[in-house]
C-alpha atoms as a PDB file:
ATOM      1  CA  MET A   1      85.859 105.109 103.924  1.00  0.00           C
ATOM      2  CA  LYS A   2      88.060 105.744 106.650  1.00  0.00           C
ATOM      3  CA  LEU A   3      88.378 104.625 110.531  1.00  0.00           C
ATOM      4  CA  GLU A   4      90.271 106.520 112.909  1.00  0.00           C
ATOM      5  CA  VAL A   5      91.500 105.200 116.394  1.00  0.00           C
ATOM      6  CA  SER A   6      93.217 107.296 118.961  1.00  0.00           C
ATOM      7  CA  ILE A   7      96.827 106.292 120.062  1.00  0.00           C
ATOM      8  CA  LYS A   8      95.655 106.482 123.747  1.00  0.00           C
ATOM      9  CA  GLU A   9      92.966 103.987 123.010  1.00  0.00           C
ATOM     10  CA  ILE A  10      95.428 101.666 121.273  1.00  0.00           C
ATOM     11  CA  GLN A  11      97.865 102.266 124.427  1.00  0.00           C
ATOM     12  CA  ASP A  12      95.183 101.549 126.729  1.00  0.00           C
ATOM     13  CA  TYR A  13      93.884  98.260 125.108  1.00  0.00           C
ATOM     14  CA  ILE A  14      97.299  96.963 125.121  1.00  0.00           C
ATOM     15  CA  ASN A  15      97.721  97.802 128.716  1.00  0.00           C
ATOM     16  CA  ASP A  16      94.521  96.186 129.597  1.00  0.00           C
ATOM     17  CA  GLN A  17      94.865  92.881 127.543  1.00  0.00           C
ATOM     18  CA  TYR A  18      98.678  92.240 128.144  1.00  0.00           C
ATOM     19  CA  ARG A  19      99.633  94.458 131.244  1.00  0.00           C
ATOM     20  CA  VAL A  20     102.242  96.236 129.025  1.00  0.00           C
ATOM     21  CA  ASP A  21     102.751  99.945 129.386  1.00  0.00           C
ATOM     22  CA  ILE A  22     103.989 101.349 126.115  1.00  0.00           C
ATOM     23  CA  ASP A  23     104.178 104.495 124.812  1.00  0.00           C
ATOM     24  CA  LEU A  24     103.214 105.127 121.004  1.00  0.00           C
ATOM     25  CA  LYS A  25     104.315 108.482 119.225  1.00  0.00           C
ATOM     26  CA  VAL A  26     103.458 109.408 115.726  1.00  0.00           C
ATOM     27  CA  VAL A  27     106.701 110.431 113.829  1.00  0.00           C
ATOM     28  CA  SER A  28     105.159 110.906 110.151  1.00  0.00           C
ATOM     29  CA  GLU A  29     102.195 109.668 108.187  1.00  0.00           C
ATOM     30  CA  LYS A  30     104.329 106.157 107.781  1.00  0.00           C
ATOM     31  CA  LYS A  31     106.278 106.174 111.033  1.00  0.00           C
ATOM     32  CA  ILE A  32     105.252 105.359 114.493  1.00  0.00           C
ATOM     33  CA  GLU A  33     107.679 104.849 117.574  1.00  0.00           C
ATOM     34  CA  ILE A  34     107.094 102.385 120.010  1.00  0.00           C
ATOM     35  CA  ASP A  35     108.640 102.817 123.528  1.00  0.00           C
ATOM     36  CA  TYR A  36     108.814  99.883 125.804  1.00  0.00           C
ATOM     37  CA  PHE A  37     112.212 100.096 127.733  1.00  0.00           C
ATOM     38  CA  ASP A  38     113.747 101.073 124.396  1.00  0.00           C
ATOM     39  CA  SER A  39     112.142 102.459 121.342  1.00  0.00           C
ATOM     40  CA  VAL A  40     111.300 100.867 117.865  1.00  0.00           C
ATOM     41  CA  LEU A  41     110.417 102.613 114.882  1.00  0.00           C
ATOM     42  CA  LEU A  42     107.717 101.055 112.827  1.00  0.00           C
ATOM     43  CA  ILE A  43     107.436 101.838 109.239  1.00  0.00           C
ATOM     44  CA  ILE A  44     104.564 101.134 106.879  1.00  0.00           C
ATOM     45  CA  ASP A  45     105.970 100.300 103.485  1.00  0.00           C
ATOM     46  CA  GLU A  46     102.740  99.194 101.596  1.00  0.00           C
ATOM     47  CA  VAL A  47      99.305  98.143 101.940  1.00  0.00           C
ATOM     48  CA  LYS A  48      97.497  95.662  99.341  1.00  0.00           C
ATOM     49  CA  GLU A  49      94.191  94.218  99.905  1.00  0.00           C
ATOM     50  CA  ASN A  50      94.235  93.464 103.600  1.00  0.00           C
ATOM     51  CA  VAL A  51      97.859  93.017 103.767  1.00  0.00           C
ATOM     52  CA  ILE A  52     100.115  95.472 105.675  1.00  0.00           C
ATOM     53  CA  PHE A  53     103.849  95.454 104.731  1.00  0.00           C
ATOM     54  CA  LEU A  54     106.079  97.129 107.489  1.00  0.00           C
ATOM     55  CA  HIS A  55     109.764  97.105 108.548  1.00  0.00           C
ATOM     56  CA  TYR A  56     111.348  98.212 111.637  1.00  0.00           C
ATOM     57  CA  GLU A  57     114.400  99.944 113.092  1.00  0.00           C
ATOM     58  CA  LEU A  58     115.794  99.327 116.374  1.00  0.00           C
ATOM     59  CA  ASN A  59     119.097  99.613 118.495  1.00  0.00           C
ATOM     60  CA  GLY A  60     120.123  99.133 121.979  1.00  0.00           C
ATOM     61  CA  LEU A  61     118.209  97.193 124.422  1.00  0.00           C
ATOM     62  CA  ALA A  62     115.232  96.857 121.696  1.00  0.00           C
ATOM     63  CA  VAL A  63     117.433  94.527 119.961  1.00  0.00           C
ATOM     64  CA  ILE A  64     117.623  92.155 122.804  1.00  0.00           C
ATOM     65  CA  LEU A  65     113.846  92.556 123.750  1.00  0.00           C
ATOM     66  CA  VAL A  66     112.881  91.653 119.933  1.00  0.00           C
ATOM     67  CA  LYS A  67     115.010  88.553 119.851  1.00  0.00           C
ATOM     68  CA  VAL A  68     113.660  87.328 123.127  1.00  0.00           C
ATOM     69  CA  ALA A  69     109.865  88.130 121.905  1.00  0.00           C
ATOM     70  CA  ARG A  70     110.725  86.026 118.817  1.00  0.00           C
ATOM     71  CA  ILE A  71     111.754  83.049 120.873  1.00  0.00           C
ATOM     72  CA  PHE A  72     108.742  83.411 122.955  1.00  0.00           C
ATOM     73  CA  LEU A  73     106.308  83.644 120.237  1.00  0.00           C
ATOM     74  CA  LYS A  74     108.155  80.756 118.113  1.00  0.00           C
ATOM     75  CA  ARG A  75     107.045  78.268 121.138  1.00  0.00           C
ATOM     76  CA  LYS A  76     103.426  79.421 120.559  1.00  0.00           C
ATOM     77  CA  PRO A  77     102.855  79.206 117.000  1.00  0.00           C
ATOM     78  CA  ALA A  78      99.088  80.489 117.295  1.00  0.00           C
ATOM     79  CA  ALA A  79     100.277  83.477 118.778  1.00  0.00           C
ATOM     80  CA  LEU A  80     102.377  84.529 115.786  1.00  0.00           C
ATOM     81  CA  LEU A  81      99.882  85.863 113.409  1.00  0.00           C
ATOM     82  CA  VAL A  82     102.378  87.662 111.204  1.00  0.00           C
ATOM     83  CA  ASP A  83     105.086  86.806 109.047  1.00  0.00           C
ATOM     84  CA  TRP A  84     108.041  88.380 110.917  1.00  0.00           C
ATOM     85  CA  ASN A  85     111.653  88.169 109.351  1.00  0.00           C
ATOM     86  CA  PRO A  86     114.155  89.218 111.874  1.00  0.00           C
ATOM     87  CA  LYS A  87     117.056  89.185 109.533  1.00  0.00           C
ATOM     88  CA  THR A  88     115.297  91.682 107.079  1.00  0.00           C
ATOM     89  CA  LYS A  89     113.467  93.500 110.008  1.00  0.00           C
ATOM     90  CA  GLU A  90     110.256  92.928 107.827  1.00  0.00           C
ATOM     91  CA  VAL A  91     106.926  92.207 108.938  1.00  0.00           C
ATOM     92  CA  ILE A  92     103.810  91.162 106.820  1.00  0.00           C
ATOM     93  CA  LEU A  93     100.652  91.539 108.585  1.00  0.00           C
ATOM     94  CA  ASP A  94      97.882  89.651 106.624  1.00  0.00           C
ATOM     95  CA  LEU A  95      94.636  90.773 108.216  1.00  0.00           C
ATOM     96  CA  THR A  96      92.728  87.536 106.828  1.00  0.00           C
ATOM     97  CA  MET A  97      94.760  85.517 109.269  1.00  0.00           C
ATOM     98  CA  PHE A  98      93.090  87.076 112.114  1.00  0.00           C
ATOM     99  CA  PRO A  99      90.003  84.842 113.034  1.00  0.00           C
ATOM    100  CA  LYS A 100      88.312  88.086 114.636  1.00  0.00           C
ATOM    101  CA  LEU A 101      88.552  89.848 111.486  1.00  0.00           C
ATOM    102  CA  THR A 102      87.326  87.197 108.957  1.00  0.00           C
ATOM    103  CA  GLY A 103      83.652  88.284 109.115  1.00  0.00           C
ATOM    104  CA  VAL A 104      84.430  92.036 108.592  1.00  0.00           C
ATOM    105  CA  LEU A 105      86.810  91.352 105.734  1.00  0.00           C
ATOM    106  CA  GLN A 106      84.140  89.474 103.940  1.00  0.00           C
ATOM    107  CA  PHE A 107      82.406  93.104 103.462  1.00  0.00           C
ATOM    108  CA  ILE A 108      85.301  95.479 103.274  1.00  0.00           C
ATOM    109  CA  THR A 109      89.322  95.531 102.107  1.00  0.00           C
ATOM    110  CA  VAL A 110      91.536  97.366 103.975  1.00  0.00           C
ATOM    111  CA  SER A 111      93.554  99.590 101.309  1.00  0.00           C
ATOM    112  CA  GLY A 112      95.672 101.893 103.474  1.00  0.00           C
ATOM    113  CA  VAL A 113      96.986 102.767 106.872  1.00  0.00           C
ATOM    114  CA  GLN A 114      98.731 105.979 108.048  1.00  0.00           C
ATOM    115  CA  PHE A 115      99.418 107.684 111.341  1.00  0.00           C
ATOM    116  CA  LEU A 116      97.957 111.141 111.883  1.00  0.00           C
ATOM    117  CA  ASN A 117      98.655 113.327 114.953  1.00  0.00           C
ATOM    118  CA  ASP A 118      97.367 111.299 117.985  1.00  0.00           C
ATOM    119  CA  SER A 119      95.568 108.387 115.838  1.00  0.00           C
ATOM    120  CA  ILE A 120      95.927 105.797 113.431  1.00  0.00           C
ATOM    121  CA  GLN A 121      93.908 105.978 110.405  1.00  0.00           C
ATOM    122  CA  VAL A 122      92.675 102.761 108.455  1.00  0.00           C
ATOM    123  CA  VAL A 123      91.369 103.338 104.917  1.00  0.00           C
ATOM    124  CA  PHE A 124      89.020 100.769 103.258  1.00  0.00           C
ATOM    125  CA  PHE A 125      86.459 100.253 100.686  1.00  0.00           C
ATOM    126  CA  ALA A 126      83.293  97.976 100.585  1.00  0.00           C
ATOM    127  CA  ARG A 127      83.429  94.878  98.518  1.00  0.00           C
ATOM    128  CA  ASN A 128      81.313  94.491  95.639  1.00  0.00           C
ATOM    129  CA  LYS A 129      78.107  92.435  96.323  1.00  0.00           C
ATOM    130  CA  ILE A 130      78.031  89.086  94.744  1.00  0.00           C
END
């Protein structure tokens, strides 16, 4: 099964929830560019049973913004629901760590994520009934 969410919906959600106006641009199936003062390229490396492995590329002002964000998030442990290694620029997003997803993840497993035109597509399959 597949679920598609438009880039505009994601931008609007981030703006509504966090009052941050970002621009998202699909570069390829595995890459999306995030613009907020400067740009960050987010790259999907692999997806394995509800865990998304990513890395990012940045330069200029984005390097400083990421360092400041990391310091801010370290002060709020509950806010950092990802395993983020700034030295290797790797991010591990374990969807089972997000409380709002635990109910859904009892019934489905995310097996893929890709960027298509103006949307993000999530591929998942139903779990076997027990």
